[in-house]
Amino acid sequence: MGQEISAKENVDLKFVDEVIGRWYSDPAYLIPMMQDIQARYTYLPRPALLLLQEKLNLPLARVSEVATFYRALSLKPKGKHLVHVCLGTACHLRGGPRIADAFKRELEVEVDETTKDGEFTLQTVNCVGACALAPVVIIDGNVTGRMDASKVKQMLAKLSPAAAKAAQAAKAGKPETKAEPARPVKAKKASSPARASKLLKKSKAKIASRKK
């Protein structure tokens, strides 16, 4: 079947069976079934394809043909993060190839390969329909327009486990800012009746002197 997959794959065939039932066991929905399976495993495991062939009563060659014809489907495990660099006409003219080279250099992989840690898979696409934003990069479905090769390293750093771990460590290491205790406010002493009477007399005396 095209590219052989390890027989040791850990595949939940019950889940695959549920997917088939969700699409009414109708061979006409073979592609949506494959998309649902790939959404869970990031690729199409061989045991899943064999079950599709059996349950849908299709020739194995037909299942293999569909799995290998569409570029969105894969027989190889993909990384946690899918990086797509657009190389359509507009993106190509505005630096798409340089951006793809930058990703290859930073990830140390070629196109259609996955990094050794299983974090990133690099792929190119012909066009994503966002020519006004060229050059375009799509990571995990998020479109970044007017991309530049110089931004690749920073973009990957935000997604890498090492960067996330460092950010958490830095956050944990920050000393907590403790709020200063409120200073006690001294209450003014209430005036005694005698003092109040004395002040009142002084006020009346001042008013009387002004009238003279």
Protein backbone atom coordinates (compact mmCIF):
# COMPACT_ATOMS: atom_id res chain seq x y z
CA MET A 1 0.00 0.00 0.00
CA GLY A 2 2.24 2.80 -1.21
CA GLN A 3 4.23 3.73 1.85
CA GLU A 4 4.31 1.02 4.49
CA ILE A 5 3.46 1.93 8.08
CA SER A 6 4.70 0.14 11.17
CA ALA A 7 2.48 -2.72 12.28
CA LYS A 8 3.02 -1.64 15.90
CA GLU A 9 0.76 1.39 15.49
CA ASN A 10 -1.52 1.94 18.44
CA VAL A 11 -4.89 2.46 16.77
CA ASP A 12 -8.30 2.46 18.42
CA LEU A 13 -10.27 0.42 15.89
CA LYS A 14 -13.45 1.04 17.87
CA PHE A 15 -13.04 4.74 17.14
CA VAL A 16 -12.50 3.99 13.44
CA ASP A 17 -15.65 1.86 13.45
CA GLU A 18 -17.58 4.75 15.03
CA VAL A 19 -16.33 7.08 12.31
CA ILE A 20 -17.55 4.67 9.63
CA GLY A 21 -20.96 4.46 11.30
CA ARG A 22 -21.10 8.26 11.61
CA TRP A 23 -20.93 8.39 7.80
CA TYR A 24 -23.53 5.65 7.36
CA SER A 25 -20.93 3.10 6.17
CA ASP A 26 -21.30 4.70 2.75
CA PRO A 27 -18.22 4.43 0.48
CA ALA A 28 -19.20 7.79 -1.03
CA TYR A 29 -18.02 9.36 2.24
CA LEU A 30 -14.61 7.72 2.22
CA ILE A 31 -12.75 11.06 2.17
CA PRO A 32 -14.64 12.58 5.15
CA MET A 33 -14.00 9.34 7.05
CA MET A 34 -10.30 9.63 6.34
CA GLN A 35 -10.32 13.26 7.43
CA ASP A 36 -11.95 12.35 10.75
CA ILE A 37 -9.40 9.60 11.36
CA GLN A 38 -6.50 11.86 10.45
CA ALA A 39 -7.84 14.60 12.75
CA ARG A 40 -7.25 12.21 15.65
CA TYR A 41 -3.97 10.59 14.63
CA THR A 42 -2.47 13.38 12.43
CA TYR A 43 -2.15 10.76 9.65
CA LEU A 44 -3.89 7.62 8.32
CA PRO A 45 -2.65 4.54 10.18
CA ARG A 46 -2.53 1.35 8.12
CA PRO A 47 -4.83 -0.63 10.48
CA ALA A 48 -7.45 2.11 10.06
CA LEU A 49 -7.21 1.90 6.27
CA LEU A 50 -7.53 -1.87 6.39
CA LEU A 51 -10.69 -1.55 8.47
CA LEU A 52 -12.09 1.02 6.05
CA GLN A 53 -11.45 -1.37 3.18
CA GLU A 54 -13.16 -4.21 5.01
CA LYS A 55 -16.21 -2.34 6.32
CA LEU A 56 -16.86 -0.44 3.08
CA ASN A 57 -16.20 -3.47 0.90
CA LEU A 58 -13.72 -1.57 -1.23
CA PRO A 59 -10.60 -2.82 -3.02
CA LEU A 60 -7.49 -2.02 -1.02
CA ALA A 61 -6.05 -0.35 -4.11
CA ARG A 62 -8.97 2.11 -4.13
CA VAL A 63 -8.45 3.06 -0.47
CA SER A 64 -4.72 3.47 -1.09
CA GLU A 65 -5.36 5.59 -4.19
CA VAL A 66 -7.54 8.05 -2.29
CA ALA A 67 -5.15 8.19 0.68
CA THR A 68 -2.20 9.08 -1.54
CA PHE A 69 -3.95 11.29 -4.12
CA TYR A 70 -5.01 14.13 -1.84
CA ARG A 71 -2.18 16.15 -0.38
CA ALA A 72 -4.24 16.99 2.70
CA LEU A 73 -4.16 13.29 3.61
CA SER A 74 -0.99 11.66 4.86
CA LEU A 75 0.29 8.15 5.47
CA LYS A 76 3.08 9.48 7.66
CA PRO A 77 2.62 10.81 11.20
CA LYS A 78 2.59 14.61 11.31
CA GLY A 79 3.88 16.93 13.96
CA LYS A 80 1.84 18.64 16.63
CA HIS A 81 2.15 21.88 14.66
CA LEU A 82 1.52 21.97 10.89
CA VAL A 83 3.46 24.66 9.05
CA HIS A 84 2.28 25.52 5.54
CA VAL A 85 4.26 27.98 3.42
CA CYS A 86 2.38 29.30 0.41
CA LEU A 87 4.32 29.18 -2.86
CA GLY A 88 1.53 30.42 -5.12
CA THR A 89 2.42 33.01 -7.75
CA ALA A 90 1.94 36.09 -5.53
CA CYS A 91 3.70 34.53 -2.54
CA HIS A 92 6.50 33.15 -4.73
CA LEU A 93 7.22 36.59 -6.18
CA ARG A 94 7.24 38.19 -2.72
CA GLY A 95 9.70 35.84 -1.06
CA GLY A 96 7.85 32.58 -0.43
CA PRO A 97 10.85 30.38 -1.33
CA ARG A 98 13.11 32.32 1.07
CA ILE A 99 10.56 31.84 3.84
CA ALA A 100 10.37 28.10 3.13
CA ASP A 101 14.19 27.91 3.24
CA ALA A 102 14.18 29.73 6.58
CA PHE A 103 11.74 27.19 8.04
CA LYS A 104 13.83 24.31 6.68
CA ARG A 105 16.94 25.80 8.24
CA GLU A 106 15.37 26.45 11.64
CA LEU A 107 13.52 23.12 11.84
CA GLU A 108 16.34 21.13 10.21
CA VAL A 109 13.89 19.31 7.94
CA GLU A 110 12.94 19.28 4.29
CA VAL A 111 9.44 19.92 2.95
CA ASP A 112 6.99 17.12 3.89
CA GLU A 113 9.19 16.06 6.80
CA THR A 114 8.57 16.14 10.55
CA THR A 115 11.06 17.25 13.18
CA LYS A 116 12.66 14.55 15.31
CA ASP A 117 10.78 15.67 18.41
CA GLY A 118 7.48 15.34 16.56
CA GLU A 119 6.59 19.00 17.11
CA PHE A 120 6.58 20.43 13.58
CA THR A 121 5.74 19.23 10.06
CA LEU A 122 6.74 21.51 7.19
CA GLN A 123 4.70 21.59 3.99
CA THR A 124 4.20 23.93 1.05
CA VAL A 125 0.95 24.76 -0.73
CA ASN A 126 0.29 26.23 -4.14
CA CYS A 127 -2.24 28.86 -3.08
CA VAL A 128 -4.40 29.63 -0.05
CA GLY A 129 -6.52 32.34 -1.68
CA ALA A 130 -4.99 35.21 0.33
CA CYS A 131 -2.86 36.77 -2.40
CA ALA A 132 -3.45 40.30 -1.06
CA LEU A 133 -1.58 39.28 2.11
CA ALA A 134 1.33 37.61 0.30
CA PRO A 135 3.64 36.12 1.33
CA VAL A 136 1.52 33.92 3.56
CA VAL A 137 2.31 31.26 6.16
CA ILE A 138 -0.32 29.11 7.87
CA ILE A 139 0.47 27.40 11.17
CA ASP A 140 -2.21 25.19 12.72
CA GLY A 141 -4.82 26.91 10.55
CA ASN A 142 -3.81 30.43 11.62
CA VAL A 143 -2.90 32.68 8.68
CA THR A 144 -0.01 35.12 8.94
CA GLY A 145 0.22 37.56 6.06
CA ARG A 146 3.09 39.74 4.82
CA MET A 147 5.48 37.22 6.29
CA ASP A 148 9.24 37.71 6.20
CA ALA A 149 12.06 35.18 6.54
CA SER A 150 13.49 37.17 9.45
CA LYS A 151 10.33 36.46 11.49
CA VAL A 152 10.54 32.66 11.20
CA LYS A 153 12.74 32.04 14.23
CA GLN A 154 10.59 34.20 16.50
CA MET A 155 7.39 32.57 15.23
CA LEU A 156 8.69 29.07 15.96
CA ALA A 157 10.00 30.10 19.37
CA LYS A 158 6.47 30.98 20.46
CA LEU A 159 5.32 27.44 19.64
CA SER A 160 8.26 25.37 20.86
CA PRO A 161 7.97 23.50 24.18
CA ALA A 162 11.36 24.85 25.27
CA ALA A 163 10.21 28.43 24.82
CA ALA A 164 6.97 27.78 26.65
CA LYS A 165 8.83 26.06 29.49
CA ALA A 166 11.28 28.95 29.78
CA ALA A 167 8.41 31.43 29.90
CA GLN A 168 6.74 29.46 32.69
CA ALA A 169 9.99 29.24 34.62
CA ALA A 170 10.57 32.97 34.29
CA LYS A 171 7.06 33.65 35.45
CA ALA A 172 7.45 31.31 38.43
CA GLY A 173 10.75 32.93 39.37
CA LYS A 174 9.38 36.46 39.58
CA PRO A 175 9.14 37.66 43.20
CA GLU A 176 5.60 38.32 44.16
CA THR A 177 4.87 41.97 44.83
CA LYS A 178 3.35 42.24 48.24
CA ALA A 179 0.97 45.04 48.90
CA GLU A 180 2.16 47.46 51.59
CA PRO A 181 0.08 47.31 54.74
CA ALA A 182 -2.24 50.24 55.10
CA ARG A 183 -0.90 52.84 57.50
CA PRO A 184 -3.16 53.48 60.47
CA VAL A 185 -4.92 56.81 60.26
CA LYS A 186 -4.87 58.80 63.49
CA ALA A 187 -8.34 59.80 64.47
CA LYS A 188 -8.81 63.42 65.48
CA LYS A 189 -9.76 63.95 69.07
CA ALA A 190 -13.25 65.19 69.54
CA SER A 191 -13.42 68.72 71.01
CA SER A 192 -14.67 68.94 74.58
CA PRO A 193 -17.75 71.12 75.30
CA ALA A 194 -15.59 73.66 77.17
CA ARG A 195 -13.15 73.97 74.25
CA ALA A 196 -16.02 74.32 71.77
CA SER A 197 -17.56 77.11 73.88
CA LYS A 198 -14.22 78.92 74.08
CA LEU A 199 -13.75 78.78 70.27
CA LEU A 200 -17.27 80.08 69.73
CA LYS A 201 -16.61 83.10 71.99
CA LYS A 202 -13.41 83.91 70.07
CA SER A 203 -15.28 83.80 66.77
CA LYS A 204 -18.00 86.15 68.07
CA ALA A 205 -15.34 88.54 69.39
CA LYS A 206 -13.63 88.68 65.98
CA ILE A 207 -16.93 89.39 64.22
CA ALA A 208 -17.79 92.18 66.71
CA SER A 209 -14.39 93.84 66.23
CA ARG A 210 -14.87 93.88 62.44
CA LYS A 211 -18.25 95.67 62.79
CA LYS A 212 -16.72 98.54 64.78
